[in-house]
């Protein structure tokens, strides 16, 4: 293995060895505390522009599955469902989106019934830098104390090399990961749902298809109001919601339409809905990226364990009349979802589709589909 060094914006340095593509990589350094799910995390478009640190020490021991589309057996009442799901990759998107990967201990040997290659081979093939042998506990403590910061995986580091990285929030990452044209799944199957692709995870689409709806996937800046549809779905995605003003304007037009139709949002979709309704968003110190974030449904004692991946949040204090918080994070009190008091509009900051992660809140898809009529 070749020596490599992770250099943070504040000058902190973490030495290790390369097990991926041997080329420098720059990105916002974040951490995820999940114990499993690295193939799903690496293909999650919400990680675009970021160097992902995995705090669980042993990574790679179950290899990587093929990401080719798998044809799922459809339920008897949905004869086209298998075909529709077969159009999607097995993982969360067609490629790896992280800029780089940082782990404590990469396992060269792997064993799993559906593994086709090692994590190292996959990273090299997709030209993603990766470094092992890093004290990820110390790195995570630095990020928790100072907040996420820009960094570089360097293969020829200079002693004086620090900082001078472009701010992560200045790039519209959504524009880089969104689809380029409209795509329809399960055509003619039932109620039509327009899904605004800000970096959608494939399992969100699967969760909708399993409930027997037609999904029209549109680019992030597409004016979906010109289409004929029964419900609107706002997907997850990377970066600062302030960079998506085109999407916000289209959502605002939808909210002001005399014809009231159901709406559901996830992650970035929660932030974009809030901004369209007049609220503000802000950047969290180090974000929520894990499988074990506890959230409580406001007004109840119902608490759920959720999978999360976001660095921005909605400011509850700026919610406009007619809107209220739907969920609250039990760790730091931040917003985890909003809803309209009278209209069928709601959203979650966490991931109800939870791939990977707990499926405690997948019922939210059922609620959305019921609203379609």
Protein backbone atom coordinates (compact mmCIF):
# COMPACT_ATOMS: atom_id res chain seq x y z
CA UNK A 1 0.00 0.00 0.00
CA UNK A 2 1.11 3.53 -0.78
CA UNK A 3 1.33 6.12 1.98
CA UNK A 4 -1.38 8.79 2.01
CA UNK A 5 -2.33 11.67 4.32
CA UNK A 6 -5.62 13.34 5.12
CA UNK A 7 -5.08 17.08 5.67
CA UNK A 8 -7.88 19.14 7.20
CA UNK A 9 -8.58 22.82 6.65
CA UNK A 10 -7.22 23.63 10.12
CA UNK A 11 -3.92 21.88 9.40
CA UNK A 12 -4.69 18.62 11.25
CA UNK A 13 -3.01 15.65 9.57
CA UNK A 14 -3.89 11.96 9.62
CA UNK A 15 -1.47 9.50 8.05
CA UNK A 16 -2.46 6.16 6.57
CA UNK A 17 -2.25 3.95 3.48
CA UNK A 18 -4.14 4.07 0.22
CA UNK A 19 -6.52 1.26 -0.73
CA UNK A 20 -8.35 3.10 -3.52
CA UNK A 21 -7.52 5.30 -6.48
CA UNK A 22 -4.12 6.92 -6.01
CA UNK A 23 -4.90 10.55 -6.82
CA UNK A 24 -5.46 13.54 -4.55
CA UNK A 25 -9.09 14.23 -3.58
CA UNK A 26 -10.60 17.35 -2.03
CA UNK A 27 -13.97 17.51 -0.26
CA UNK A 28 -15.89 18.35 2.87
CA UNK A 29 -14.84 15.83 5.54
CA UNK A 30 -17.84 14.29 7.35
CA UNK A 31 -18.38 11.20 9.49
CA UNK A 32 -21.01 8.44 9.62
CA UNK A 33 -21.40 6.24 12.71
CA UNK A 34 -23.35 3.38 11.06
CA UNK A 35 -21.98 -0.13 11.54
CA UNK A 36 -23.08 -1.44 8.12
CA UNK A 37 -24.20 -0.17 4.73
CA UNK A 38 -21.02 1.21 3.17
CA UNK A 39 -22.08 0.22 -0.41
CA UNK A 40 -25.35 2.13 0.03
CA UNK A 41 -23.63 5.13 1.61
CA UNK A 42 -20.99 5.38 -1.11
CA UNK A 43 -23.68 5.41 -3.82
CA UNK A 44 -25.93 7.90 -2.00
CA UNK A 45 -25.90 11.12 -4.09
CA UNK A 46 -26.29 13.14 -0.87
CA UNK A 47 -22.56 12.51 -0.24
CA UNK A 48 -21.51 14.27 -3.46
CA UNK A 49 -18.54 16.55 -2.83
CA UNK A 50 -17.66 14.98 0.53
CA UNK A 51 -14.89 12.82 1.97
CA UNK A 52 -16.69 10.23 4.08
CA UNK A 53 -15.21 8.98 7.35
CA UNK A 54 -16.67 5.72 8.68
CA UNK A 55 -16.33 5.49 12.45
CA UNK A 56 -17.03 1.74 12.63
CA UNK A 57 -13.48 0.32 12.62
CA UNK A 58 -13.80 -2.72 10.32
CA UNK A 59 -14.84 -1.87 6.75
CA UNK A 60 -14.86 -4.06 3.64
CA UNK A 61 -15.31 -7.46 5.25
CA UNK A 62 -18.47 -8.28 3.25
CA UNK A 63 -17.21 -6.92 -0.06
CA UNK A 64 -19.40 -5.23 -2.67
CA UNK A 65 -22.38 -6.64 -4.58
CA UNK A 66 -23.02 -6.14 -8.27
CA UNK A 67 -24.78 -2.84 -8.90
CA UNK A 68 -26.53 -4.10 -12.02
CA UNK A 69 -30.34 -3.81 -11.95
CA UNK A 70 -32.09 -6.81 -10.44
CA UNK A 71 -35.51 -7.91 -11.65
CA UNK A 72 -37.76 -8.19 -8.59
CA UNK A 73 -40.72 -10.56 -8.51
CA UNK A 74 -43.85 -8.37 -8.61
CA UNK A 75 -46.86 -8.85 -6.33
CA UNK A 76 -49.74 -10.51 -8.15
CA UNK A 77 -51.79 -7.31 -8.19
CA UNK A 78 -48.95 -5.29 -9.79
CA UNK A 79 -47.83 -7.21 -12.87
CA UNK A 80 -45.55 -4.40 -14.11
CA UNK A 81 -43.75 -3.77 -10.85
CA UNK A 82 -40.86 -6.17 -11.46
CA UNK A 83 -40.12 -4.51 -14.76
CA UNK A 84 -40.18 -1.07 -13.16
CA UNK A 85 -37.84 -1.99 -10.31
CA UNK A 86 -35.55 -3.72 -12.80
CA UNK A 87 -34.78 -0.33 -14.31
CA UNK A 88 -33.08 0.77 -11.07
CA UNK A 89 -29.59 -0.13 -9.84
CA UNK A 90 -29.30 -2.55 -6.93
CA UNK A 91 -27.59 0.11 -4.80
CA UNK A 92 -28.69 3.73 -4.34
CA UNK A 93 -27.44 5.10 -7.68
CA UNK A 94 -25.39 4.08 -10.69
CA UNK A 95 -22.02 5.17 -9.26
CA UNK A 96 -20.04 6.20 -6.19
CA UNK A 97 -20.60 9.85 -5.25
CA UNK A 98 -18.16 10.48 -2.39
CA UNK A 99 -14.92 12.28 -3.19
CA UNK A 100 -12.98 10.03 -0.87
CA UNK A 101 -13.26 7.42 1.89
CA UNK A 102 -11.48 7.29 5.28
CA UNK A 103 -11.50 4.17 7.49
CA UNK A 104 -9.60 2.76 10.42
CA UNK A 105 -9.13 -0.82 9.20
CA UNK A 106 -9.85 -1.97 5.66
CA UNK A 107 -10.41 -5.72 5.35
CA UNK A 108 -8.68 -7.10 2.25
CA UNK A 109 -10.48 -10.42 2.68
CA UNK A 110 -14.26 -10.40 2.24
CA UNK A 111 -17.03 -12.97 2.46
CA UNK A 112 -20.71 -12.57 1.54
CA UNK A 113 -23.12 -14.53 -0.62
CA UNK A 114 -23.75 -11.63 -3.05
CA UNK A 115 -20.26 -10.06 -3.09
CA UNK A 116 -18.62 -9.88 -6.52
CA UNK A 117 -15.52 -7.81 -5.70
CA UNK A 118 -13.62 -6.19 -2.88
CA UNK A 119 -14.26 -2.65 -1.72
CA UNK A 120 -10.73 -1.76 -2.82
CA UNK A 121 -11.27 -3.02 -6.38
CA UNK A 122 -14.56 -1.12 -6.63
CA UNK A 123 -12.99 2.14 -5.44
CA UNK A 124 -10.09 1.81 -7.85
CA UNK A 125 -12.40 1.06 -10.77
CA UNK A 126 -14.51 4.14 -9.99
CA UNK A 127 -11.39 6.24 -9.31
CA UNK A 128 -12.24 7.13 -5.71
CA UNK A 129 -9.42 7.88 -3.27
CA UNK A 130 -9.47 5.93 0.00
CA UNK A 131 -7.20 5.80 3.05
CA UNK A 132 -6.96 3.22 5.83
CA UNK A 133 -4.99 3.08 9.07
CA UNK A 134 -6.41 6.41 10.24
CA UNK A 135 -7.33 7.06 13.86
CA UNK A 136 -10.96 7.72 12.99
CA UNK A 137 -11.86 8.21 16.65
CA UNK A 138 -9.48 11.17 16.91
CA UNK A 139 -10.63 12.49 13.53
CA UNK A 140 -14.29 12.33 14.58
CA UNK A 141 -13.55 14.16 17.83
CA UNK A 142 -11.85 16.93 15.82
CA UNK A 143 -14.91 17.24 13.56
CA UNK A 144 -17.31 17.20 16.51
CA UNK A 145 -15.41 19.95 18.31
CA UNK A 146 -14.72 22.23 15.36
CA UNK A 147 -17.46 21.18 12.94
CA UNK A 148 -17.08 19.62 9.51
CA UNK A 149 -14.37 21.20 7.40
CA UNK A 150 -12.75 20.87 4.01
CA UNK A 151 -9.87 18.45 3.58
CA UNK A 152 -7.61 16.69 1.13
CA UNK A 153 -6.44 13.11 0.73
CA UNK A 154 -2.89 13.74 -0.45
CA UNK A 155 -0.27 11.34 -1.82
CA UNK A 156 2.60 13.82 -1.77
CA UNK A 157 1.79 16.05 1.19
CA UNK A 158 3.96 19.04 1.97
CA UNK A 159 4.67 19.95 5.56
CA UNK A 160 3.32 23.46 5.10
CA UNK A 161 0.18 22.35 3.23
CA UNK A 162 -3.00 23.58 4.96
CA UNK A 163 -6.34 25.09 4.06
CA UNK A 164 -7.13 27.12 0.95
CA UNK A 165 -9.92 24.75 -0.10
CA UNK A 166 -13.03 26.05 -1.85
CA UNK A 167 -16.04 26.16 0.46
CA UNK A 168 -18.30 23.10 0.01
CA UNK A 169 -21.44 25.25 0.19
CA UNK A 170 -20.50 27.37 -2.84
CA UNK A 171 -21.19 24.54 -5.31
CA UNK A 172 -24.66 23.51 -6.47
CA UNK A 173 -24.12 19.78 -5.97
CA UNK A 174 -27.79 19.03 -6.73
CA UNK A 175 -27.29 20.18 -10.31
CA UNK A 176 -24.41 17.72 -10.67
CA UNK A 177 -26.30 14.62 -9.45
CA UNK A 178 -29.86 15.19 -10.70
CA UNK A 179 -31.20 13.37 -13.77
CA UNK A 180 -31.02 15.29 -17.04
CA UNK A 181 -34.44 14.37 -18.45
CA UNK A 182 -37.78 13.00 -17.31
CA UNK A 183 -37.97 9.27 -16.57
CA UNK A 184 -41.23 7.36 -15.99
CA UNK A 185 -41.50 4.17 -13.93
CA UNK A 186 -44.56 1.90 -13.78
CA UNK A 187 -46.32 3.84 -16.53
CA UNK A 188 -50.09 3.63 -16.25
CA UNK A 189 -49.99 1.66 -12.98
CA UNK A 190 -52.17 4.00 -10.90
CA UNK A 191 -51.90 7.43 -9.35
CA UNK A 192 -49.17 9.54 -10.92
CA UNK A 193 -46.51 10.96 -8.60
CA UNK A 194 -43.98 13.54 -9.78
CA UNK A 195 -40.64 12.98 -8.02
CA UNK A 196 -38.25 15.95 -8.07
CA UNK A 197 -34.78 14.42 -8.37
CA UNK A 198 -32.36 16.45 -6.27
CA UNK A 199 -30.17 13.38 -5.86
CA UNK A 200 -32.76 10.69 -5.15
CA UNK A 201 -31.81 7.35 -3.64
CA UNK A 202 -33.06 4.38 -5.65
CA UNK A 203 -34.83 2.87 -2.65
CA UNK A 204 -37.12 5.90 -2.41
CA UNK A 205 -38.34 5.09 -5.91
CA UNK A 206 -38.67 1.41 -4.99
CA UNK A 207 -40.78 2.27 -1.94
CA UNK A 208 -43.17 4.25 -4.14
CA UNK A 209 -43.33 1.58 -6.84
CA UNK A 210 -44.13 -1.15 -4.32
CA UNK A 211 -47.23 0.86 -3.42
CA UNK A 212 -48.52 0.73 -6.96
CA UNK A 213 -48.06 4.28 -8.22
CA UNK A 214 -46.62 5.65 -11.44
CA UNK A 215 -43.49 7.71 -10.77
CA UNK A 216 -42.38 10.52 -13.09
CA UNK A 217 -38.83 11.47 -12.14
CA UNK A 218 -37.93 15.03 -13.20
CA UNK A 219 -34.71 17.11 -12.99
CA UNK A 220 -34.19 19.42 -10.03
CA UNK A 221 -34.97 22.60 -11.99
CA UNK A 222 -37.81 21.25 -14.14
CA UNK A 223 -41.16 23.09 -13.90
CA UNK A 224 -43.28 20.12 -12.91
CA UNK A 225 -46.38 22.33 -12.54
CA UNK A 226 -46.96 21.98 -16.27
CA UNK A 227 -47.56 18.23 -15.86
CA UNK A 228 -50.75 16.37 -14.97
CA UNK A 229 -50.17 14.48 -11.71
CA UNK A 230 -51.83 13.41 -8.45
CA UNK A 231 -49.06 14.01 -5.92
CA UNK A 232 -45.64 15.60 -5.54
CA UNK A 233 -42.56 14.00 -3.96
CA UNK A 234 -39.43 15.99 -3.05
CA UNK A 235 -36.33 13.80 -2.91
CA UNK A 236 -33.10 13.96 -0.94
CA UNK A 237 -29.90 15.46 -2.29
CA UNK A 238 -26.54 17.03 -1.42
CA UNK A 239 -25.41 20.51 -0.47
CA UNK A 240 -26.91 23.79 0.66
CA UNK A 241 -30.66 24.20 0.00
CA UNK A 242 -30.02 27.86 -0.77
CA UNK A 243 -28.49 26.72 -4.08
CA UNK A 244 -31.83 25.30 -5.23
CA UNK A 245 -33.90 28.46 -5.65
CA UNK A 246 -35.30 27.24 -8.97
CA UNK A 247 -36.75 24.19 -7.23
CA UNK A 248 -38.08 26.32 -4.38
CA UNK A 249 -39.90 28.59 -6.82
CA UNK A 250 -41.59 25.62 -8.49
CA UNK A 251 -42.61 24.22 -5.09
CA UNK A 252 -43.99 27.62 -4.06
CA UNK A 253 -46.11 27.70 -7.22
CA UNK A 254 -47.43 24.23 -6.32
CA UNK A 255 -48.32 25.35 -2.78
CA UNK A 256 -50.17 28.40 -4.09
CA UNK A 257 -52.19 26.40 -6.63
CA UNK A 258 -55.95 26.37 -6.04
CA UNK A 259 -55.94 22.63 -6.64
CA UNK A 260 -54.58 21.10 -3.42
CA UNK A 261 -52.67 17.87 -4.02
CA UNK A 262 -50.62 15.72 -1.59
CA UNK A 263 -46.92 16.39 -1.09
CA UNK A 264 -44.17 14.47 0.73
CA UNK A 265 -40.51 15.38 1.10
CA UNK A 266 -37.42 13.59 2.40
CA UNK A 267 -34.15 15.11 3.69
CA UNK A 268 -33.27 17.97 1.31
CA UNK A 269 -36.92 17.82 0.30
CA UNK A 270 -37.84 18.83 3.85
CA UNK A 271 -35.57 21.87 3.65
CA UNK A 272 -36.80 22.91 0.20
CA UNK A 273 -40.44 22.61 1.28
CA UNK A 274 -39.72 24.75 4.34
CA UNK A 275 -37.99 27.41 2.26
CA UNK A 276 -40.85 27.43 -0.25
CA UNK A 277 -43.23 27.99 2.68
CA UNK A 278 -41.16 30.96 3.88
CA UNK A 279 -38.94 29.38 6.55
CA UNK A 280 -35.13 29.49 6.79
CA UNK A 281 -32.47 26.80 6.89
CA UNK A 282 -29.03 26.69 8.48
CA UNK A 283 -25.93 24.51 8.52
CA UNK A 284 -25.47 22.07 11.38
CA UNK A 285 -22.10 21.95 13.13
CA UNK A 286 -21.32 18.39 12.04
CA UNK A 287 -24.62 17.07 10.68
CA UNK A 288 -26.50 13.83 11.28
CA UNK A 289 -25.11 10.79 9.50
CA UNK A 290 -25.96 7.47 11.15
CA UNK A 291 -28.52 4.68 11.55
CA UNK A 292 -29.51 5.43 15.14
CA UNK A 293 -30.88 8.98 15.32
CA UNK A 294 -33.91 9.09 17.68
CA UNK A 295 -36.77 11.35 16.60
CA UNK A 296 -40.08 12.04 18.33
CA UNK A 297 -43.31 12.78 16.55
CA UNK A 298 -44.40 16.18 17.86
CA UNK A 299 -47.51 16.07 20.06
CA UNK A 300 -47.07 12.36 20.84
CA UNK A 301 -44.82 10.01 22.79
CA UNK A 302 -43.98 8.07 19.64
CA UNK A 303 -40.22 7.85 19.16
CA UNK A 304 -38.53 6.29 16.13
CA UNK A 305 -34.97 5.22 15.35
CA UNK A 306 -34.01 6.65 11.98
CA UNK A 307 -31.35 6.62 9.29
CA UNK A 308 -30.02 10.08 8.45
CA UNK A 309 -27.59 11.87 6.16
CA UNK A 310 -27.74 15.66 6.14
CA UNK A 311 -25.67 18.69 7.06
CA UNK A 312 -28.40 21.37 6.99
CA UNK A 313 -31.62 21.79 8.96
CA UNK A 314 -34.85 23.80 9.07
CA UNK A 315 -35.10 26.59 11.64
CA UNK A 316 -38.37 25.84 13.49
CA UNK A 317 -38.55 29.41 14.75
CA UNK A 318 -39.03 30.73 11.21
CA UNK A 319 -41.95 28.48 10.21
CA UNK A 320 -44.78 30.61 8.84
CA UNK A 321 -48.46 30.49 9.96
CA UNK A 322 -50.14 27.29 8.85
CA UNK A 323 -47.00 25.19 9.29
CA UNK A 324 -45.69 23.26 12.29
CA UNK A 325 -42.89 20.82 13.20
CA UNK A 326 -43.75 17.17 12.62
CA UNK A 327 -40.70 15.49 14.19
CA UNK A 328 -37.92 16.64 16.51
CA UNK A 329 -34.44 15.16 17.01
CA UNK A 330 -34.10 13.83 20.56
CA UNK A 331 -30.33 14.38 20.63
CA UNK A 332 -30.05 18.06 19.76
CA UNK A 333 -33.64 19.30 19.39
CA UNK A 334 -33.24 20.14 15.69
CA UNK A 335 -36.11 19.89 13.24
CA UNK A 336 -36.78 16.46 11.71
CA UNK A 337 -39.84 17.25 9.60
CA UNK A 338 -42.68 19.70 9.03
CA UNK A 339 -46.34 19.55 8.04
CA UNK A 340 -49.13 21.89 7.03
CA UNK A 341 -51.93 22.19 9.57
CA UNK A 342 -54.76 21.76 7.07
CA UNK A 343 -53.38 20.64 3.69
CA UNK A 344 -51.88 17.17 2.92
CA UNK A 345 -48.28 18.37 2.87
CA UNK A 346 -45.59 16.85 5.09
CA UNK A 347 -41.90 15.97 5.09
CA UNK A 348 -39.17 14.17 7.04
CA UNK A 349 -35.56 15.22 7.52
CA UNK A 350 -34.58 11.56 8.03
CA UNK A 351 -34.83 8.67 5.54
CA UNK A 352 -38.02 6.58 5.92
CA UNK A 353 -36.86 4.28 3.10
CA UNK A 354 -33.77 3.55 5.24
CA UNK A 355 -31.44 1.79 2.85
CA UNK A 356 -29.36 1.03 4.71
CA UNK A 357 -30.75 1.48 8.21
CA UNK A 358 -33.86 0.85 10.35
CA UNK A 359 -37.26 0.73 8.64
CA UNK A 360 -39.28 2.10 11.59
CA UNK A 361 -40.78 4.97 9.59
CA UNK A 362 -41.49 3.40 6.19
CA UNK A 363 -45.18 3.81 7.06
CA UNK A 364 -44.84 7.42 5.90
CA UNK A 365 -44.96 6.18 2.30
CA UNK A 366 -48.26 4.43 3.10
CA UNK A 367 -49.66 7.68 4.48
CA UNK A 368 -48.61 9.58 1.37
CA UNK A 369 -50.12 7.04 -1.03
CA UNK A 370 -53.40 7.01 0.97
CA UNK A 371 -53.64 10.77 0.50
CA UNK A 372 -53.58 10.32 -3.28
CA UNK A 373 -57.11 8.93 -3.10
